[in-house]
């Protein structure tokens, strides 16, 4: 996930993972799925990592790309 140009909403995965790592309890979690739940919650709820304006830009860009793709298919 972190090799070369891997980004999550314009932010390198490496940065996201490093920030998340600092939130993991010192003793860690007992089960792997606890890490999964914790990581997903970290991404969803971290406003400083992904401010609303960044989220809006990302969604707008994603929707625009989807519409362009659909229009291209229709034109073909």
PDB file of N, CA and C in Angstrom:
ATOM      1  N   UNK A   1       0.816  -1.208   0.000  1.00  0.00           N
ATOM      2  CA  UNK A   1       0.000   0.000   0.000  1.00  0.00           C
ATOM      3  C   UNK A   1       0.852   1.261   0.000  1.00  0.00           C
ATOM      4  N   UNK A   2       2.062   1.177   0.483  1.00  0.00           N
ATOM      5  CA  UNK A   2       2.846   2.397   0.616  1.00  0.00           C
ATOM      6  C   UNK A   2       3.948   2.520  -0.419  1.00  0.00           C
ATOM      7  N   UNK A   3       4.061   1.587  -1.347  1.00  0.00           N
ATOM      8  CA  UNK A   3       5.119   1.645  -2.344  1.00  0.00           C
ATOM      9  C   UNK A   3       4.752   2.623  -3.452  1.00  0.00           C
ATOM     10  N   UNK A   4       5.682   3.505  -3.781  1.00  0.00           N
ATOM     11  CA  UNK A   4       5.564   4.438  -4.890  1.00  0.00           C
ATOM     12  C   UNK A   4       4.535   5.530  -4.601  1.00  0.00           C
ATOM     13  N   UNK A   5       3.518   5.697  -5.429  1.00  0.00           N
ATOM     14  CA  UNK A   5       2.585   6.816  -5.317  1.00  0.00           C
ATOM     15  C   UNK A   5       1.238   6.394  -4.740  1.00  0.00           C
ATOM     16  N   UNK A   6       1.194   5.959  -3.514  1.00  0.00           N
ATOM     17  CA  UNK A   6      -0.055   5.523  -2.898  1.00  0.00           C
ATOM     18  C   UNK A   6      -0.603   6.642  -2.026  1.00  0.00           C
ATOM     19  N   UNK A   7      -1.808   7.100  -2.368  1.00  0.00           N
ATOM     20  CA  UNK A   7      -2.421   8.216  -1.649  1.00  0.00           C
ATOM     21  C   UNK A   7      -3.836   7.864  -1.225  1.00  0.00           C
ATOM     22  N   UNK A   8      -4.260   8.487  -0.154  1.00  0.00           N
ATOM     23  CA  UNK A   8      -5.650   8.445   0.287  1.00  0.00           C
ATOM     24  C   UNK A   8      -6.114   9.889   0.367  1.00  0.00           C
ATOM     25  N   UNK A   9      -6.971  10.270  -0.550  1.00  0.00           N
ATOM     26  CA  UNK A   9      -7.483  11.647  -0.599  1.00  0.00           C
ATOM     27  C   UNK A   9      -6.349  12.675  -0.533  1.00  0.00           C
ATOM     28  N   UNK A  10      -5.400  12.553  -1.439  1.00  0.00           N
ATOM     29  CA  UNK A  10      -4.293  13.495  -1.590  1.00  0.00           C
ATOM     30  C   UNK A  10      -3.246  13.408  -0.480  1.00  0.00           C
ATOM     31  N   UNK A  11      -3.386  12.468   0.426  1.00  0.00           N
ATOM     32  CA  UNK A  11      -2.447  12.318   1.533  1.00  0.00           C
ATOM     33  C   UNK A  11      -1.757  10.960   1.396  1.00  0.00           C
ATOM     34  N   UNK A  12      -0.417  10.933   1.471  1.00  0.00           N
ATOM     35  CA  UNK A  12       0.281   9.641   1.323  1.00  0.00           C
ATOM     36  C   UNK A  12      -0.146   8.642   2.397  1.00  0.00           C
ATOM     37  N   UNK A  13      -0.338   7.385   1.991  1.00  0.00           N
ATOM     38  CA  UNK A  13      -0.696   6.337   2.938  1.00  0.00           C
ATOM     39  C   UNK A  13       0.322   6.264   4.070  1.00  0.00           C
ATOM     40  N   UNK A  14       1.578   6.473   3.727  1.00  0.00           N
ATOM     41  CA  UNK A  14       2.634   6.406   4.741  1.00  0.00           C
ATOM     42  C   UNK A  14       2.360   7.383   5.885  1.00  0.00           C
ATOM     43  N   UNK A  15       1.926   8.580   5.556  1.00  0.00           N
ATOM     44  CA  UNK A  15       1.597   9.588   6.569  1.00  0.00           C
ATOM     45  C   UNK A  15       0.390   9.164   7.393  1.00  0.00           C
ATOM     46  N   UNK A  16      -0.632   8.664   6.716  1.00  0.00           N
ATOM     47  CA  UNK A  16      -1.848   8.210   7.411  1.00  0.00           C
ATOM     48  C   UNK A  16      -1.499   7.105   8.395  1.00  0.00           C
ATOM     49  N   UNK A  17      -0.704   6.150   7.956  1.00  0.00           N
ATOM     50  CA  UNK A  17      -0.350   5.013   8.805  1.00  0.00           C
ATOM     51  C   UNK A  17       0.501   5.461   9.995  1.00  0.00           C
ATOM     52  N   UNK A  18       1.454   6.349   9.753  1.00  0.00           N
ATOM     53  CA  UNK A  18       2.281   6.851  10.855  1.00  0.00           C
ATOM     54  C   UNK A  18       1.437   7.580  11.895  1.00  0.00           C
ATOM     55  N   UNK A  19       0.488   8.381  11.435  1.00  0.00           N
ATOM     56  CA  UNK A  19      -0.386   9.096  12.371  1.00  0.00           C
ATOM     57  C   UNK A  19      -1.262   8.116  13.144  1.00  0.00           C
ATOM     58  N   UNK A  20      -1.778   7.112  12.445  1.00  0.00           N
ATOM     59  CA  UNK A  20      -2.609   6.107  13.116  1.00  0.00           C
ATOM     60  C   UNK A  20      -1.810   5.355  14.170  1.00  0.00           C
ATOM     61  N   UNK A  21      -0.596   4.985  13.816  1.00  0.00           N
ATOM     62  CA  UNK A  21       0.247   4.194  14.728  1.00  0.00           C
ATOM     63  C   UNK A  21       0.390   4.872  16.082  1.00  0.00           C
ATOM     64  N   UNK A  22       0.415   6.199  16.080  1.00  0.00           N
ATOM     65  CA  UNK A  22       0.567   6.917  17.357  1.00  0.00           C
ATOM     66  C   UNK A  22      -0.693   6.845  18.224  1.00  0.00           C
ATOM     67  N   UNK A  23      -1.810   6.388  17.651  1.00  0.00           N
ATOM     68  CA  UNK A  23      -3.064   6.296  18.415  1.00  0.00           C
ATOM     69  C   UNK A  23      -3.321   4.892  18.955  1.00  0.00           C
ATOM     70  N   UNK A  24      -2.528   3.916  18.510  1.00  0.00           N
ATOM     71  CA  UNK A  24      -2.730   2.528  18.951  1.00  0.00           C
ATOM     72  C   UNK A  24      -2.268   2.409  20.404  1.00  0.00           C
ATOM     73  N   UNK A  25      -3.072   1.749  21.237  1.00  0.00           N
ATOM     74  CA  UNK A  25      -2.664   1.566  22.638  1.00  0.00           C
ATOM     75  C   UNK A  25      -1.298   0.877  22.724  1.00  0.00           C
ATOM     76  N   UNK A  26      -0.567   1.178  23.763  1.00  0.00           N
ATOM     77  CA  UNK A  26       0.786   0.657  23.924  1.00  0.00           C
ATOM     78  C   UNK A  26       0.820  -0.881  23.876  1.00  0.00           C
ATOM     79  N   UNK A  27      -0.180  -1.506  24.438  1.00  0.00           N
ATOM     80  CA  UNK A  27      -0.245  -2.972  24.443  1.00  0.00           C
ATOM     81  C   UNK A  27      -0.873  -3.537  23.173  1.00  0.00           C
ATOM     82  N   UNK A  28      -1.299  -2.673  22.280  1.00  0.00           N
ATOM     83  CA  UNK A  28      -1.917  -3.118  21.038  1.00  0.00           C
ATOM     84  C   UNK A  28      -3.319  -3.661  21.259  1.00  0.00           C
ATOM     85  N   UNK A  29      -3.790  -4.415  20.288  1.00  0.00           N
ATOM     86  CA  UNK A  29      -5.109  -5.039  20.359  1.00  0.00           C
ATOM     87  C   UNK A  29      -4.940  -6.549  20.373  1.00  0.00           C
ATOM     88  N   UNK A  30      -5.948  -7.244  20.868  1.00  0.00           N
ATOM     89  CA  UNK A  30      -5.874  -8.701  20.964  1.00  0.00           C
ATOM     90  C   UNK A  30      -6.119  -9.377  19.616  1.00  0.00           C
ATOM     91  N   UNK A  31      -6.980  -8.789  18.803  1.00  0.00           N
ATOM     92  CA  UNK A  31      -7.381  -9.431  17.540  1.00  0.00           C
ATOM     93  C   UNK A  31      -7.074  -8.505  16.361  1.00  0.00           C
ATOM     94  N   UNK A  32      -6.826  -9.109  15.206  1.00  0.00           N
ATOM     95  CA  UNK A  32      -6.533  -8.338  13.999  1.00  0.00           C
ATOM     96  C   UNK A  32      -7.701  -7.442  13.627  1.00  0.00           C
ATOM     97  N   UNK A  33      -8.927  -7.958  13.734  1.00  0.00           N
ATOM     98  CA  UNK A  33     -10.073  -7.141  13.347  1.00  0.00           C
ATOM     99  C   UNK A  33     -10.255  -5.928  14.258  1.00  0.00           C
ATOM    100  N   UNK A  34      -9.684  -5.962  15.463  1.00  0.00           N
ATOM    101  CA  UNK A  34      -9.712  -4.776  16.323  1.00  0.00           C
ATOM    102  C   UNK A  34      -8.858  -3.658  15.720  1.00  0.00           C
ATOM    103  N   UNK A  35      -7.740  -4.043  15.104  1.00  0.00           N
ATOM    104  CA  UNK A  35      -6.912  -3.059  14.400  1.00  0.00           C
ATOM    105  C   UNK A  35      -7.672  -2.490  13.202  1.00  0.00           C
ATOM    106  N   UNK A  36      -8.352  -3.363  12.488  1.00  0.00           N
ATOM    107  CA  UNK A  36      -9.124  -2.926  11.318  1.00  0.00           C
ATOM    108  C   UNK A  36     -10.184  -1.916  11.735  1.00  0.00           C
ATOM    109  N   UNK A  37     -10.972  -2.260  12.734  1.00  0.00           N
ATOM    110  CA  UNK A  37     -12.021  -1.356  13.218  1.00  0.00           C
ATOM    111  C   UNK A  37     -11.439  -0.038  13.694  1.00  0.00           C
ATOM    112  N   UNK A  38     -10.336  -0.111  14.414  1.00  0.00           N
ATOM    113  CA  UNK A  38      -9.693   1.088  14.933  1.00  0.00           C
ATOM    114  C   UNK A  38      -9.161   1.970  13.804  1.00  0.00           C
ATOM    115  N   UNK A  39      -8.550   1.349  12.804  1.00  0.00           N
ATOM    116  CA  UNK A  39      -7.986   2.105  11.681  1.00  0.00           C
ATOM    117  C   UNK A  39      -9.082   2.784  10.866  1.00  0.00           C
ATOM    118  N   UNK A  40     -10.147   2.057  10.579  1.00  0.00           N
ATOM    119  CA  UNK A  40     -11.266   2.634   9.820  1.00  0.00           C
ATOM    120  C   UNK A  40     -11.891   3.777  10.603  1.00  0.00           C
ATOM    121  N   UNK A  41     -12.072   3.608  11.879  1.00  0.00           N
ATOM    122  CA  UNK A  41     -12.615   4.671  12.721  1.00  0.00           C
ATOM    123  C   UNK A  41     -11.693   5.892  12.719  1.00  0.00           C
ATOM    124  N   UNK A  42     -10.385   5.649  12.774  1.00  0.00           N
ATOM    125  CA  UNK A  42      -9.407   6.733  12.731  1.00  0.00           C
ATOM    126  C   UNK A  42      -9.559   7.545  11.447  1.00  0.00           C
ATOM    127  N   UNK A  43      -9.685   6.864  10.326  1.00  0.00           N
ATOM    128  CA  UNK A  43      -9.816   7.552   9.033  1.00  0.00           C
ATOM    129  C   UNK A  43     -11.138   8.308   8.955  1.00  0.00           C
ATOM    130  N   UNK A  44     -12.219   7.677   9.360  1.00  0.00           N
ATOM    131  CA  UNK A  44     -13.542   8.294   9.261  1.00  0.00           C
ATOM    132  C   UNK A  44     -13.701   9.511  10.169  1.00  0.00           C
ATOM    133  N   UNK A  45     -13.084   9.496  11.324  1.00  0.00           N
ATOM    134  CA  UNK A  45     -13.352  10.522  12.332  1.00  0.00           C
ATOM    135  C   UNK A  45     -12.252  11.553  12.508  1.00  0.00           C
ATOM    136  N   UNK A  46     -11.197  11.482  11.728  1.00  0.00           N
ATOM    137  CA  UNK A  46     -10.074  12.384  11.917  1.00  0.00           C
ATOM    138  C   UNK A  46     -10.233  13.630  11.045  1.00  0.00           C
ATOM    139  N   UNK A  47     -10.829  14.676  11.606  1.00  0.00           N
ATOM    140  CA  UNK A  47     -11.068  15.921  10.870  1.00  0.00           C
ATOM    141  C   UNK A  47      -9.774  16.656  10.541  1.00  0.00           C
ATOM    142  N   UNK A  48      -8.757  16.537  11.375  1.00  0.00           N
ATOM    143  CA  UNK A  48      -7.499  17.234  11.082  1.00  0.00           C
ATOM    144  C   UNK A  48      -6.757  16.566   9.932  1.00  0.00           C
ATOM    145  N   UNK A  49      -6.910  15.273   9.807  1.00  0.00           N
ATOM    146  CA  UNK A  49      -6.274  14.536   8.722  1.00  0.00           C
ATOM    147  C   UNK A  49      -6.998  14.779   7.399  1.00  0.00           C
ATOM    148  N   UNK A  50      -8.305  14.775   7.442  1.00  0.00           N
ATOM    149  CA  UNK A  50      -9.131  14.968   6.250  1.00  0.00           C
ATOM    150  C   UNK A  50     -10.198  16.026   6.539  1.00  0.00           C
ATOM    151  N   UNK A  51      -9.843  17.301   6.425  1.00  0.00           N
ATOM    152  CA  UNK A  51     -10.824  18.359   6.692  1.00  0.00           C
ATOM    153  C   UNK A  51     -11.989  18.298   5.689  1.00  0.00           C
ATOM    154  N   UNK A  52     -13.090  18.899   6.070  1.00  0.00           N
ATOM    155  CA  UNK A  52     -14.290  18.849   5.236  1.00  0.00           C
ATOM    156  C   UNK A  52     -14.062  19.360   3.824  1.00  0.00           C
ATOM    157  N   UNK A  53     -13.286  20.436   3.662  1.00  0.00           N
ATOM    158  CA  UNK A  53     -13.068  20.953   2.311  1.00  0.00           C
ATOM    159  C   UNK A  53     -12.310  19.943   1.443  1.00  0.00           C
ATOM    160  N   UNK A  54     -11.383  19.202   2.039  1.00  0.00           N
ATOM    161  CA  UNK A  54     -10.668  18.160   1.290  1.00  0.00           C
ATOM    162  C   UNK A  54     -11.622  17.034   0.910  1.00  0.00           C
ATOM    163  N   UNK A  55     -12.475  16.649   1.844  1.00  0.00           N
ATOM    164  CA  UNK A  55     -13.457  15.591   1.562  1.00  0.00           C
ATOM    165  C   UNK A  55     -14.397  16.012   0.433  1.00  0.00           C
ATOM    166  N   UNK A  56     -14.843  17.264   0.469  1.00  0.00           N
ATOM    167  CA  UNK A  56     -15.743  17.764  -0.569  1.00  0.00           C
ATOM    168  C   UNK A  56     -15.053  17.786  -1.926  1.00  0.00           C
ATOM    169  N   UNK A  57     -13.796  18.231  -1.968  1.00  0.00           N
ATOM    170  CA  UNK A  57     -13.041  18.239  -3.236  1.00  0.00           C
ATOM    171  C   UNK A  57     -12.887  16.829  -3.784  1.00  0.00           C
ATOM    172  N   UNK A  58     -12.587  15.894  -2.902  1.00  0.00           N
ATOM    173  CA  UNK A  58     -12.397  14.517  -3.325  1.00  0.00           C
ATOM    174  C   UNK A  58     -13.691  13.939  -3.896  1.00  0.00           C
ATOM    175  N   UNK A  59     -14.794  14.128  -3.202  1.00  0.00           N
ATOM    176  CA  UNK A  59     -16.073  13.595  -3.663  1.00  0.00           C
ATOM    177  C   UNK A  59     -16.475  14.250  -4.985  1.00  0.00           C
ATOM    178  N   UNK A  60     -16.300  15.559  -5.079  1.00  0.00           N
ATOM    179  CA  UNK A  60     -16.630  16.274  -6.315  1.00  0.00           C
ATOM    180  C   UNK A  60     -15.804  15.738  -7.478  1.00  0.00           C
ATOM    181  N   UNK A  61     -14.520  15.565  -7.261  1.00  0.00           N
ATOM    182  CA  UNK A  61     -13.635  15.048  -8.300  1.00  0.00           C
ATOM    183  C   UNK A  61     -14.026  13.631  -8.699  1.00  0.00           C
ATOM    184  N   UNK A  62     -14.360  12.803  -7.719  1.00  0.00           N
ATOM    185  CA  UNK A  62     -14.760  11.427  -7.991  1.00  0.00           C
ATOM    186  C   UNK A  62     -16.041  11.387  -8.823  1.00  0.00           C
ATOM    187  N   UNK A  63     -17.024  12.183  -8.432  1.00  0.00           N
ATOM    188  CA  UNK A  63     -18.297  12.219  -9.161  1.00  0.00           C
ATOM    189  C   UNK A  63     -18.090  12.746 -10.575  1.00  0.00           C
ATOM    190  N   UNK A  64     -17.279  13.797 -10.713  1.00  0.00           N
ATOM    191  CA  UNK A  64     -16.989  14.357 -12.029  1.00  0.00           C
ATOM    192  C   UNK A  64     -16.355  13.297 -12.929  1.00  0.00           C
ATOM    193  N   UNK A  65     -15.387  12.564 -12.408  1.00  0.00           N
ATOM    194  CA  UNK A  65     -14.734  11.506 -13.185  1.00  0.00           C
ATOM    195  C   UNK A  65     -15.729  10.439 -13.609  1.00  0.00           C
ATOM    196  N   UNK A  66     -16.629  10.082 -12.707  1.00  0.00           N
ATOM    197  CA  UNK A  66     -17.647   9.079 -13.036  1.00  0.00           C
ATOM    198  C   UNK A  66     -18.556   9.573 -14.154  1.00  0.00           C
ATOM    199  N   UNK A  67     -18.982  10.834 -14.086  1.00  0.00           N
ATOM    200  CA  UNK A  67     -19.835  11.392 -15.137  1.00  0.00           C
ATOM    201  C   UNK A  67     -19.108  11.442 -16.478  1.00  0.00           C
ATOM    202  N   UNK A  68     -17.851  11.818 -16.473  1.00  0.00           N
ATOM    203  CA  UNK A  68     -17.070  11.855 -17.709  1.00  0.00           C
ATOM    204  C   UNK A  68     -16.979  10.456 -18.310  1.00  0.00           C
ATOM    205  N   UNK A  69     -16.763   9.452 -17.476  1.00  0.00           N
ATOM    206  CA  UNK A  69     -16.685   8.076 -17.929  1.00  0.00           C
ATOM    207  C   UNK A  69     -18.016   7.621 -18.545  1.00  0.00           C
ATOM    208  N   UNK A  70     -19.117   7.946 -17.872  1.00  0.00           N
ATOM    209  CA  UNK A  70     -20.445   7.563 -18.381  1.00  0.00           C
ATOM    210  C   UNK A  70     -20.713   8.281 -19.690  1.00  0.00           C
ATOM    211  N   UNK A  71     -20.377   9.564 -19.774  1.00  0.00           N
ATOM    212  CA  UNK A  71     -20.602  10.321 -21.008  1.00  0.00           C
ATOM    213  C   UNK A  71     -19.776   9.734 -22.148  1.00  0.00           C
ATOM    214  N   UNK A  72     -18.565   9.363 -21.872  1.00  0.00           N
ATOM    215  CA  UNK A  72     -17.714   8.753 -22.895  1.00  0.00           C
ATOM    216  C   UNK A  72     -18.323   7.450 -23.404  1.00  0.00           C
ATOM    217  N   UNK A  73     -18.848   6.640 -22.494  1.00  0.00           N
ATOM    218  CA  UNK A  73     -19.496   5.388 -22.886  1.00  0.00           C
ATOM    219  C   UNK A  73     -20.732   5.657 -23.745  1.00  0.00           C
ATOM    220  N   UNK A  74     -21.511   6.668 -23.381  1.00  0.00           N
ATOM    221  CA  UNK A  74     -22.707   7.011 -24.142  1.00  0.00           C
ATOM    222  C   UNK A  74     -22.321   7.490 -25.545  1.00  0.00           C
ATOM    223  N   UNK A  75     -21.290   8.330 -25.620  1.00  0.00           N
ATOM    224  CA  UNK A  75     -20.837   8.845 -26.912  1.00  0.00           C
ATOM    225  C   UNK A  75     -20.331   7.741 -27.827  1.00  0.00           C
ATOM    226  N   UNK A  76     -19.710   6.741 -27.240  1.00  0.00           N
ATOM    227  CA  UNK A  76     -19.211   5.607 -28.048  1.00  0.00           C
ATOM    228  C   UNK A  76     -20.350   4.737 -28.512  1.00  0.00           C
TER     229      UNK A  76
END
